[in-house]
Amino acid sequence: MADTVPATFGYTFLVANEGEKTCELRGYPYEIIFSTVGGESLKVSISHERTELCAQPKVQRVVLRPGGVGSFGVSYNYAIAPSSEEPTTCIAPLIDIRLPALGSHFFSYEFPVRMDVCEAGRKADVTPVEDRVAPTA
């Protein structure tokens, strides 16, 4: 058996206020659900720990005026395995996220790179929403 090499991967999500009113967010995105191409929902446990990619800044109230932009990060760890291993059924190119705002609904994103939710141990680290275009590293 070949050695595995641990690696951290992640995504930065931008939150843009395209409305005509100010929007307020506070805290972490929640109810994160990954979906496979076949439509299966893959639930993950969420933690708020510092990773190689993202810090865990203090939770603050973020006010986005019309046209304003904020961000948050989602990262996860893989133990990179040799390519001779069987392909997994946990490849998730879609993610639905509920933002920490009053009356928030799900926002859907499609990944340009597919995440293997099972290989990541069905765990993800999430940063709080910040009033900048990239989460604090």
C-alpha atoms as a PDB file:
ATOM      1  CA  MET A   1       0.000   0.000   0.000  1.00  0.00           C
ATOM      2  CA  ALA A   2       1.390   3.371  -0.999  1.00  0.00           C
ATOM      3  CA  ASP A   3       1.610   6.225   1.484  1.00  0.00           C
ATOM      4  CA  THR A   4      -1.049   8.892   1.432  1.00  0.00           C
ATOM      5  CA  VAL A   5      -0.216  12.580   1.520  1.00  0.00           C
ATOM      6  CA  PRO A   6      -2.606  14.817   3.510  1.00  0.00           C
ATOM      7  CA  ALA A   7      -3.692  18.023   1.804  1.00  0.00           C
ATOM      8  CA  THR A   8      -6.084  20.872   2.575  1.00  0.00           C
ATOM      9  CA  PHE A   9      -8.383  22.232  -0.141  1.00  0.00           C
ATOM     10  CA  GLY A  10     -11.022  24.903  -0.016  1.00  0.00           C
ATOM     11  CA  TYR A  11     -13.166  27.506  -1.655  1.00  0.00           C
ATOM     12  CA  THR A  12     -13.819  31.188  -1.098  1.00  0.00           C
ATOM     13  CA  PHE A  13     -17.446  32.159  -1.583  1.00  0.00           C
ATOM     14  CA  LEU A  14     -18.370  35.745  -2.374  1.00  0.00           C
ATOM     15  CA  VAL A  15     -21.622  37.185  -1.066  1.00  0.00           C
ATOM     16  CA  ALA A  16     -22.863  40.157  -3.088  1.00  0.00           C
ATOM     17  CA  ASN A  17     -25.846  42.315  -2.191  1.00  0.00           C
ATOM     18  CA  GLU A  18     -27.633  42.760  -5.516  1.00  0.00           C
ATOM     19  CA  GLY A  19     -30.742  44.204  -3.890  1.00  0.00           C
ATOM     20  CA  GLU A  20     -31.787  47.774  -3.272  1.00  0.00           C
ATOM     21  CA  LYS A  21     -31.717  47.526   0.540  1.00  0.00           C
ATOM     22  CA  THR A  22     -28.917  47.004   3.034  1.00  0.00           C
ATOM     23  CA  CYS A  23     -28.390  43.387   4.143  1.00  0.00           C
ATOM     24  CA  GLU A  24     -27.007  42.277   7.519  1.00  0.00           C
ATOM     25  CA  LEU A  25     -25.222  38.983   8.195  1.00  0.00           C
ATOM     26  CA  ARG A  26     -23.670  37.694  11.395  1.00  0.00           C
ATOM     27  CA  GLY A  27     -21.913  34.414  12.019  1.00  0.00           C
ATOM     28  CA  TYR A  28     -21.234  31.287  10.035  1.00  0.00           C
ATOM     29  CA  PRO A  29     -23.053  29.865   7.023  1.00  0.00           C
ATOM     30  CA  TYR A  30     -25.017  26.820   8.108  1.00  0.00           C
ATOM     31  CA  GLU A  31     -26.993  23.938   6.646  1.00  0.00           C
ATOM     32  CA  ILE A  32     -24.291  23.147   4.142  1.00  0.00           C
ATOM     33  CA  ILE A  33     -25.390  20.322   1.865  1.00  0.00           C
ATOM     34  CA  PHE A  34     -23.302  18.790  -0.916  1.00  0.00           C
ATOM     35  CA  SER A  35     -25.047  17.062  -3.827  1.00  0.00           C
ATOM     36  CA  THR A  36     -23.826  14.470  -6.304  1.00  0.00           C
ATOM     37  CA  VAL A  37     -24.467  14.614 -10.037  1.00  0.00           C
ATOM     38  CA  GLY A  38     -27.152  11.964  -9.459  1.00  0.00           C
ATOM     39  CA  GLY A  39     -28.939  14.202  -6.949  1.00  0.00           C
ATOM     40  CA  GLU A  40     -27.975  12.410  -3.717  1.00  0.00           C
ATOM     41  CA  SER A  41     -27.529  14.771  -0.737  1.00  0.00           C
ATOM     42  CA  LEU A  42     -24.301  14.319   1.206  1.00  0.00           C
ATOM     43  CA  LYS A  43     -24.427  15.838   4.684  1.00  0.00           C
ATOM     44  CA  VAL A  44     -21.217  16.972   6.361  1.00  0.00           C
ATOM     45  CA  SER A  45     -20.312  17.919   9.894  1.00  0.00           C
ATOM     46  CA  ILE A  46     -19.184  21.525  10.207  1.00  0.00           C
ATOM     47  CA  SER A  47     -16.449  22.883  12.432  1.00  0.00           C
ATOM     48  CA  HIS A  48     -15.048  26.354  12.918  1.00  0.00           C
ATOM     49  CA  GLU A  49     -11.339  25.647  13.219  1.00  0.00           C
ATOM     50  CA  ARG A  50      -8.370  27.417  11.694  1.00  0.00           C
ATOM     51  CA  THR A  51      -6.914  25.570   8.685  1.00  0.00           C
ATOM     52  CA  GLU A  52      -3.887  26.011   6.430  1.00  0.00           C
ATOM     53  CA  LEU A  53      -6.118  28.060   4.103  1.00  0.00           C
ATOM     54  CA  CYS A  54      -8.357  30.070   6.417  1.00  0.00           C
ATOM     55  CA  ALA A  55      -8.118  31.681   9.814  1.00  0.00           C
ATOM     56  CA  GLN A  56     -11.082  31.835  12.168  1.00  0.00           C
ATOM     57  CA  PRO A  57     -11.612  35.533  12.803  1.00  0.00           C
ATOM     58  CA  LYS A  58     -13.980  36.801  15.442  1.00  0.00           C
ATOM     59  CA  VAL A  59     -17.651  36.754  14.447  1.00  0.00           C
ATOM     60  CA  GLN A  60     -18.800  40.257  13.590  1.00  0.00           C
ATOM     61  CA  ARG A  61     -21.890  41.917  12.235  1.00  0.00           C
ATOM     62  CA  VAL A  62     -21.416  42.413   8.485  1.00  0.00           C
ATOM     63  CA  VAL A  63     -23.525  45.060   6.800  1.00  0.00           C
ATOM     64  CA  LEU A  64     -23.637  44.910   3.013  1.00  0.00           C
ATOM     65  CA  ARG A  65     -25.031  47.986   1.317  1.00  0.00           C
ATOM     66  CA  PRO A  66     -26.418  47.589  -2.212  1.00  0.00           C
ATOM     67  CA  GLY A  67     -23.483  46.485  -4.365  1.00  0.00           C
ATOM     68  CA  GLY A  68     -21.464  45.477  -1.279  1.00  0.00           C
ATOM     69  CA  VAL A  69     -19.436  42.249  -1.184  1.00  0.00           C
ATOM     70  CA  GLY A  70     -18.471  39.925   1.660  1.00  0.00           C
ATOM     71  CA  SER A  71     -16.998  36.429   1.780  1.00  0.00           C
ATOM     72  CA  PHE A  72     -16.573  33.222   3.733  1.00  0.00           C
ATOM     73  CA  GLY A  73     -14.415  30.133   3.300  1.00  0.00           C
ATOM     74  CA  VAL A  74     -15.098  26.402   3.274  1.00  0.00           C
ATOM     75  CA  SER A  75     -12.101  24.075   3.540  1.00  0.00           C
ATOM     76  CA  TYR A  76     -11.602  20.342   3.977  1.00  0.00           C
ATOM     77  CA  ASN A  77      -8.788  17.788   4.243  1.00  0.00           C
ATOM     78  CA  TYR A  78      -7.989  14.920   1.896  1.00  0.00           C
ATOM     79  CA  ALA A  79      -5.585  12.086   2.357  1.00  0.00           C
ATOM     80  CA  ILE A  80      -4.467  11.971  -1.274  1.00  0.00           C
ATOM     81  CA  ALA A  81      -4.477   8.334  -2.341  1.00  0.00           C
ATOM     82  CA  PRO A  82      -2.829   6.625  -5.312  1.00  0.00           C
ATOM     83  CA  SER A  83      -4.910   6.826  -8.509  1.00  0.00           C
ATOM     84  CA  SER A  84      -5.195   3.014  -8.702  1.00  0.00           C
ATOM     85  CA  GLU A  85      -7.856   3.031  -5.993  1.00  0.00           C
ATOM     86  CA  GLU A  86     -11.523   2.549  -6.842  1.00  0.00           C
ATOM     87  CA  PRO A  87     -13.453   5.742  -7.689  1.00  0.00           C
ATOM     88  CA  THR A  88     -15.824   6.960  -5.015  1.00  0.00           C
ATOM     89  CA  THR A  89     -19.542   7.655  -5.274  1.00  0.00           C
ATOM     90  CA  CYS A  90     -19.219  10.778  -3.121  1.00  0.00           C
ATOM     91  CA  ILE A  91     -18.103  13.269  -5.789  1.00  0.00           C
ATOM     92  CA  ALA A  92     -20.035  16.492  -5.187  1.00  0.00           C
ATOM     93  CA  PRO A  93     -20.006  19.251  -7.806  1.00  0.00           C
ATOM     94  CA  LEU A  94     -22.888  21.137  -6.131  1.00  0.00           C
ATOM     95  CA  ILE A  95     -23.254  22.822  -2.753  1.00  0.00           C
ATOM     96  CA  ASP A  96     -26.231  24.526  -1.096  1.00  0.00           C
ATOM     97  CA  ILE A  97     -25.522  26.972   1.711  1.00  0.00           C
ATOM     98  CA  ARG A  98     -27.799  28.937   4.013  1.00  0.00           C
ATOM     99  CA  LEU A  99     -26.265  32.255   5.023  1.00  0.00           C
ATOM    100  CA  PRO A 100     -26.503  33.692   8.542  1.00  0.00           C
ATOM    101  CA  ALA A 101     -29.146  36.303   7.777  1.00  0.00           C
ATOM    102  CA  LEU A 102     -32.735  36.748   8.879  1.00  0.00           C
ATOM    103  CA  GLY A 103     -35.039  34.845   6.529  1.00  0.00           C
ATOM    104  CA  SER A 104     -32.120  33.455   4.518  1.00  0.00           C
ATOM    105  CA  HIS A 105     -32.826  30.862   1.869  1.00  0.00           C
ATOM    106  CA  PHE A 106     -30.427  28.384   0.274  1.00  0.00           C
ATOM    107  CA  PHE A 107     -27.867  29.661  -2.185  1.00  0.00           C
ATOM    108  CA  SER A 108     -26.544  27.113  -4.654  1.00  0.00           C
ATOM    109  CA  TYR A 109     -23.041  27.017  -6.062  1.00  0.00           C
ATOM    110  CA  GLU A 110     -21.514  24.710  -8.661  1.00  0.00           C
ATOM    111  CA  PHE A 111     -17.854  23.808  -8.147  1.00  0.00           C
ATOM    112  CA  PRO A 112     -15.383  24.053 -11.006  1.00  0.00           C
ATOM    113  CA  VAL A 113     -13.509  21.233  -9.219  1.00  0.00           C
ATOM    114  CA  ARG A 114     -15.421  18.330  -7.764  1.00  0.00           C
ATOM    115  CA  MET A 115     -15.102  17.602  -4.042  1.00  0.00           C
ATOM    116  CA  ASP A 116     -14.954  14.003  -2.792  1.00  0.00           C
ATOM    117  CA  VAL A 117     -17.086  14.365   0.340  1.00  0.00           C
ATOM    118  CA  CYS A 118     -16.322  10.832   1.598  1.00  0.00           C
ATOM    119  CA  GLU A 119     -12.562  11.224   1.150  1.00  0.00           C
ATOM    120  CA  ALA A 120     -12.842  14.454   3.174  1.00  0.00           C
ATOM    121  CA  GLY A 121     -14.381  12.431   6.020  1.00  0.00           C
ATOM    122  CA  ARG A 122     -17.727  14.205   5.516  1.00  0.00           C
ATOM    123  CA  LYS A 123     -16.288  17.153   7.456  1.00  0.00           C
ATOM    124  CA  ALA A 124     -15.716  20.771   6.473  1.00  0.00           C
ATOM    125  CA  ASP A 125     -14.370  23.840   8.238  1.00  0.00           C
ATOM    126  CA  VAL A 126     -16.312  27.060   7.702  1.00  0.00           C
ATOM    127  CA  THR A 127     -15.282  30.642   8.436  1.00  0.00           C
ATOM    128  CA  PRO A 128     -17.673  33.394   9.514  1.00  0.00           C
ATOM    129  CA  VAL A 129     -18.893  35.865   6.906  1.00  0.00           C
ATOM    130  CA  GLU A 130     -16.473  38.802   6.633  1.00  0.00           C
ATOM    131  CA  ASP A 131     -16.801  42.220   5.032  1.00  0.00           C
ATOM    132  CA  ARG A 132     -13.956  41.582   2.580  1.00  0.00           C
ATOM    133  CA  VAL A 133     -13.614  39.746  -0.725  1.00  0.00           C
ATOM    134  CA  ALA A 134     -11.393  37.000   0.699  1.00  0.00           C
ATOM    135  CA  PRO A 135     -11.540  35.303   4.106  1.00  0.00           C
ATOM    136  CA  THR A 136      -8.703  36.050   6.495  1.00  0.00           C
ATOM    137  CA  ALA A 137      -5.807  33.663   5.795  1.00  0.00           C
END
